[in-house]
Every structure is written in structure tokens, then in C-alpha cells.
Amino acid sequence: MTETNAGIEGERVIAVLYVVVVSIAGALGAAIGSIGLRDLKAVSFLGLVTFQPTPVGLAAFGMTTVGVSLGVALLLVVYVSRNYVDA
């Protein structure tokens, strides 16, 4: 197996893990929203989007928050590994 194939397979594993983690965040947000706690207030993502404390709203908030934060971290790792790692 060459390094190119190993790199592609590794990127696929990371992509699948990313989707799984974001999906879990959405499921947990939906579970929290479906409990129907009385004291929940609307939440905001970076002050740009406001999500209501419904199952769909909290699932979207969880997926957006985890997806963006984890996505930025992964993009930084890819950038550094491609540009600053010695051959």
C-alpha cells in the first residue's frame, strides 16, 4: 500500500468520524429539546442565528456548534500537516 492510498483512507475515516460526532450532537440536542424543560431559553450561535428550545432547534444548534468548531479544528490540522510537515 502506498502513502497516497493510506492518506486517502485516513481522510475517509476522519470524515466518517466527523459525521458521526455531528450526528450524535444533533441527537443529544433533540433529546434535550424533547424533554421539555421549562427554564430553557433561546440560544444563539455566534450572535448570528437564534435557535428556539424545541427538539429541532436544539438539534440544529448542537450540530451547528459541534460541526463548525470541529470543522475549523480539522481544517487547521489539514493545513498544517500539508504545509509544515517535513518530507
N, C-alpha and C. Protein backbone atom coordinates (compact mmCIF):
# COMPACT_ATOMS: atom_id res chain seq x y z
N MET A 1 0.85 -1.17 0.00
CA MET A 1 0.00 0.00 0.00
C MET A 1 0.90 1.24 0.00
N THR A 2 0.58 2.20 -0.82
CA THR A 2 1.37 3.41 -0.91
C THR A 2 0.88 4.45 0.09
N GLU A 3 1.69 5.48 0.27
CA GLU A 3 1.29 6.54 1.21
C GLU A 3 0.06 7.28 0.73
N THR A 4 -0.09 7.41 -0.58
CA THR A 4 -1.25 8.12 -1.13
C THR A 4 -2.54 7.40 -0.77
N ASN A 5 -2.56 6.09 -0.92
CA ASN A 5 -3.76 5.33 -0.57
C ASN A 5 -4.03 5.39 0.93
N ALA A 6 -2.98 5.31 1.73
CA ALA A 6 -3.16 5.38 3.18
C ALA A 6 -3.70 6.75 3.59
N GLY A 7 -3.23 7.82 2.92
CA GLY A 7 -3.72 9.15 3.23
C GLY A 7 -5.18 9.31 2.88
N ILE A 8 -5.59 8.75 1.75
CA ILE A 8 -6.99 8.84 1.33
C ILE A 8 -7.87 8.04 2.29
N GLU A 9 -7.42 6.86 2.69
CA GLU A 9 -8.20 6.04 3.61
C GLU A 9 -8.30 6.73 4.98
N GLY A 10 -7.22 7.36 5.41
CA GLY A 10 -7.24 8.07 6.68
C GLY A 10 -8.20 9.25 6.65
N GLU A 11 -8.23 9.95 5.52
CA GLU A 11 -9.16 11.08 5.39
C GLU A 11 -10.61 10.61 5.40
N ARG A 12 -10.86 9.45 4.82
CA ARG A 12 -12.23 8.90 4.85
C ARG A 12 -12.65 8.55 6.27
N VAL A 13 -11.75 7.97 7.03
CA VAL A 13 -12.06 7.62 8.42
C VAL A 13 -12.37 8.88 9.22
N ILE A 14 -11.57 9.91 9.04
CA ILE A 14 -11.79 11.17 9.75
C ILE A 14 -13.12 11.78 9.33
N ALA A 15 -13.44 11.73 8.04
CA ALA A 15 -14.72 12.28 7.56
C ALA A 15 -15.90 11.52 8.16
N VAL A 16 -15.80 10.20 8.22
CA VAL A 16 -16.89 9.41 8.80
C VAL A 16 -17.03 9.72 10.29
N LEU A 17 -15.91 9.82 11.00
CA LEU A 17 -15.97 10.17 12.43
C LEU A 17 -16.57 11.55 12.64
N TYR A 18 -16.24 12.49 11.76
CA TYR A 18 -16.80 13.84 11.83
C TYR A 18 -18.33 13.79 11.70
N VAL A 19 -18.81 13.05 10.72
CA VAL A 19 -20.26 12.93 10.51
C VAL A 19 -20.92 12.25 11.71
N VAL A 20 -20.28 11.23 12.27
CA VAL A 20 -20.84 10.53 13.42
C VAL A 20 -20.93 11.46 14.63
N VAL A 21 -19.87 12.21 14.89
CA VAL A 21 -19.87 13.10 16.06
C VAL A 21 -20.90 14.20 15.91
N VAL A 22 -21.02 14.77 14.71
CA VAL A 22 -22.03 15.82 14.48
C VAL A 22 -23.43 15.23 14.61
N SER A 23 -23.63 14.01 14.14
CA SER A 23 -24.94 13.36 14.26
C SER A 23 -25.29 13.10 15.72
N ILE A 24 -24.32 12.68 16.50
CA ILE A 24 -24.56 12.46 17.93
C ILE A 24 -24.93 13.77 18.61
N ALA A 25 -24.26 14.85 18.25
CA ALA A 25 -24.60 16.16 18.82
C ALA A 25 -26.04 16.54 18.48
N GLY A 26 -26.45 16.25 17.26
CA GLY A 26 -27.83 16.54 16.88
C GLY A 26 -28.83 15.68 17.64
N ALA A 27 -28.51 14.41 17.81
CA ALA A 27 -29.40 13.51 18.55
C ALA A 27 -29.53 13.93 20.02
N LEU A 28 -28.41 14.32 20.62
CA LEU A 28 -28.47 14.77 22.02
C LEU A 28 -29.23 16.09 22.15
N GLY A 29 -29.06 16.98 21.18
CA GLY A 29 -29.83 18.22 21.20
C GLY A 29 -31.31 17.96 21.08
N ALA A 30 -31.68 17.03 20.20
CA ALA A 30 -33.09 16.68 20.05
C ALA A 30 -33.63 16.03 21.32
N ALA A 31 -32.82 15.21 21.97
CA ALA A 31 -33.26 14.57 23.21
C ALA A 31 -33.48 15.60 24.31
N ILE A 32 -32.56 16.55 24.43
CA ILE A 32 -32.72 17.61 25.44
C ILE A 32 -33.94 18.46 25.13
N GLY A 33 -34.15 18.76 23.85
CA GLY A 33 -35.31 19.56 23.47
C GLY A 33 -36.63 18.83 23.68
N SER A 34 -36.62 17.51 23.52
CA SER A 34 -37.86 16.75 23.67
C SER A 34 -38.25 16.55 25.12
N ILE A 35 -37.30 16.70 26.03
CA ILE A 35 -37.62 16.58 27.46
C ILE A 35 -38.58 17.70 27.87
N GLY A 36 -38.41 18.86 27.25
CA GLY A 36 -39.34 19.95 27.50
C GLY A 36 -39.12 20.64 28.83
N LEU A 37 -37.89 20.90 29.18
CA LEU A 37 -37.61 21.60 30.43
C LEU A 37 -38.19 23.01 30.37
N ARG A 38 -38.70 23.50 31.45
CA ARG A 38 -39.39 24.79 31.48
C ARG A 38 -38.44 25.98 31.41
N ASP A 39 -37.25 25.86 31.94
CA ASP A 39 -36.36 27.00 32.06
C ASP A 39 -35.46 27.22 30.85
N LEU A 40 -35.64 26.45 29.80
CA LEU A 40 -34.79 26.63 28.62
C LEU A 40 -35.14 27.92 27.90
N LYS A 41 -34.11 28.63 27.49
CA LYS A 41 -34.29 29.87 26.73
C LYS A 41 -33.67 29.69 25.37
N ALA A 42 -34.01 30.57 24.45
CA ALA A 42 -33.44 30.50 23.11
C ALA A 42 -31.92 30.68 23.20
N VAL A 43 -31.21 29.93 22.37
CA VAL A 43 -29.75 30.01 22.34
C VAL A 43 -29.30 30.60 21.01
N SER A 44 -28.16 31.25 21.05
CA SER A 44 -27.65 31.93 19.87
C SER A 44 -26.30 31.35 19.50
N PHE A 45 -26.06 31.21 18.21
CA PHE A 45 -24.78 30.73 17.71
C PHE A 45 -24.00 31.90 17.15
N LEU A 46 -22.94 32.28 17.84
CA LEU A 46 -22.07 33.40 17.44
C LEU A 46 -22.83 34.71 17.27
N GLY A 47 -23.98 34.83 17.88
CA GLY A 47 -24.77 36.04 17.76
C GLY A 47 -25.42 36.21 16.39
N LEU A 48 -25.33 35.20 15.54
CA LEU A 48 -25.86 35.31 14.19
C LEU A 48 -27.22 34.64 14.02
N VAL A 49 -27.37 33.47 14.60
CA VAL A 49 -28.59 32.68 14.45
C VAL A 49 -29.11 32.33 15.84
N THR A 50 -30.40 32.48 16.03
CA THR A 50 -31.02 32.12 17.30
C THR A 50 -31.84 30.86 17.12
N PHE A 51 -31.62 29.91 18.01
CA PHE A 51 -32.34 28.63 17.97
C PHE A 51 -33.30 28.56 19.14
N GLN A 52 -34.53 28.18 18.87
CA GLN A 52 -35.53 28.04 19.91
C GLN A 52 -35.36 26.70 20.63
N PRO A 53 -35.78 26.60 21.89
CA PRO A 53 -35.57 25.37 22.65
C PRO A 53 -36.60 24.28 22.32
N THR A 54 -36.67 23.93 21.06
CA THR A 54 -37.51 22.82 20.60
C THR A 54 -36.57 21.68 20.22
N PRO A 55 -37.09 20.48 20.04
CA PRO A 55 -36.19 19.39 19.63
C PRO A 55 -35.42 19.69 18.34
N VAL A 56 -36.10 20.24 17.36
CA VAL A 56 -35.43 20.56 16.10
C VAL A 56 -34.43 21.72 16.29
N GLY A 57 -34.82 22.73 17.04
CA GLY A 57 -33.95 23.87 17.27
C GLY A 57 -32.68 23.50 18.01
N LEU A 58 -32.80 22.70 19.06
CA LEU A 58 -31.62 22.31 19.82
C LEU A 58 -30.77 21.30 19.06
N ALA A 59 -31.39 20.46 18.24
CA ALA A 59 -30.61 19.55 17.40
C ALA A 59 -29.80 20.35 16.38
N ALA A 60 -30.42 21.34 15.78
CA ALA A 60 -29.71 22.19 14.82
C ALA A 60 -28.60 22.98 15.50
N PHE A 61 -28.87 23.46 16.71
CA PHE A 61 -27.83 24.20 17.45
C PHE A 61 -26.64 23.29 17.77
N GLY A 62 -26.92 22.09 18.24
CA GLY A 62 -25.84 21.16 18.57
C GLY A 62 -25.03 20.78 17.34
N MET A 63 -25.70 20.51 16.25
CA MET A 63 -24.99 20.13 15.03
C MET A 63 -24.19 21.30 14.47
N THR A 64 -24.75 22.49 14.54
CA THR A 64 -24.04 23.67 14.04
C THR A 64 -22.82 23.98 14.90
N THR A 65 -22.99 23.96 16.20
CA THR A 65 -21.90 24.29 17.10
C THR A 65 -20.75 23.28 16.98
N VAL A 66 -21.08 22.01 17.08
CA VAL A 66 -20.04 20.98 17.00
C VAL A 66 -19.45 20.92 15.59
N GLY A 67 -20.30 21.04 14.59
CA GLY A 67 -19.82 20.97 13.22
C GLY A 67 -18.85 22.08 12.87
N VAL A 68 -19.17 23.29 13.27
CA VAL A 68 -18.28 24.41 12.95
C VAL A 68 -17.00 24.34 13.77
N SER A 69 -17.11 24.11 15.06
CA SER A 69 -15.91 24.10 15.90
C SER A 69 -14.99 22.94 15.53
N LEU A 70 -15.53 21.76 15.35
CA LEU A 70 -14.71 20.62 14.98
C LEU A 70 -14.21 20.76 13.54
N GLY A 71 -15.02 21.32 12.66
CA GLY A 71 -14.61 21.53 11.28
C GLY A 71 -13.45 22.49 11.17
N VAL A 72 -13.48 23.58 11.92
CA VAL A 72 -12.37 24.54 11.90
C VAL A 72 -11.10 23.89 12.43
N ALA A 73 -11.22 23.12 13.50
CA ALA A 73 -10.04 22.43 14.05
C ALA A 73 -9.46 21.44 13.04
N LEU A 74 -10.32 20.69 12.37
CA LEU A 74 -9.84 19.73 11.38
C LEU A 74 -9.20 20.43 10.19
N LEU A 75 -9.77 21.52 9.75
CA LEU A 75 -9.18 22.26 8.64
C LEU A 75 -7.81 22.81 9.00
N LEU A 76 -7.65 23.28 10.24
CA LEU A 76 -6.34 23.75 10.68
C LEU A 76 -5.31 22.62 10.71
N VAL A 77 -5.72 21.45 11.16
CA VAL A 77 -4.81 20.30 11.19
C VAL A 77 -4.41 19.90 9.77
N VAL A 78 -5.35 19.88 8.86
CA VAL A 78 -5.05 19.54 7.46
C VAL A 78 -4.10 20.56 6.86
N TYR A 79 -4.35 21.83 7.11
CA TYR A 79 -3.50 22.90 6.57
C TYR A 79 -2.06 22.77 7.09
N VAL A 80 -1.93 22.58 8.40
CA VAL A 80 -0.59 22.48 8.98
C VAL A 80 0.10 21.21 8.49
N SER A 81 -0.60 20.11 8.42
CA SER A 81 0.04 18.86 8.01
C SER A 81 0.47 18.89 6.55
N ARG A 82 -0.24 19.62 5.73
CA ARG A 82 0.13 19.70 4.31
C ARG A 82 1.23 20.73 4.05
N ASN A 83 1.34 21.74 4.87
CA ASN A 83 2.28 22.81 4.59
C ASN A 83 3.53 22.84 5.47
N TYR A 84 3.48 22.25 6.64
CA TYR A 84 4.59 22.40 7.57
C TYR A 84 5.25 21.10 8.01
N VAL A 85 4.80 19.97 7.50
CA VAL A 85 5.40 18.70 7.88
C VAL A 85 6.57 18.42 6.94
N ASP A 86 7.72 18.04 7.51
CA ASP A 86 8.89 17.73 6.69
C ASP A 86 8.68 16.45 5.91
N ALA A 87 9.19 16.43 4.69
CA ALA A 87 9.04 15.24 3.85
C ALA A 87 10.00 14.15 4.26
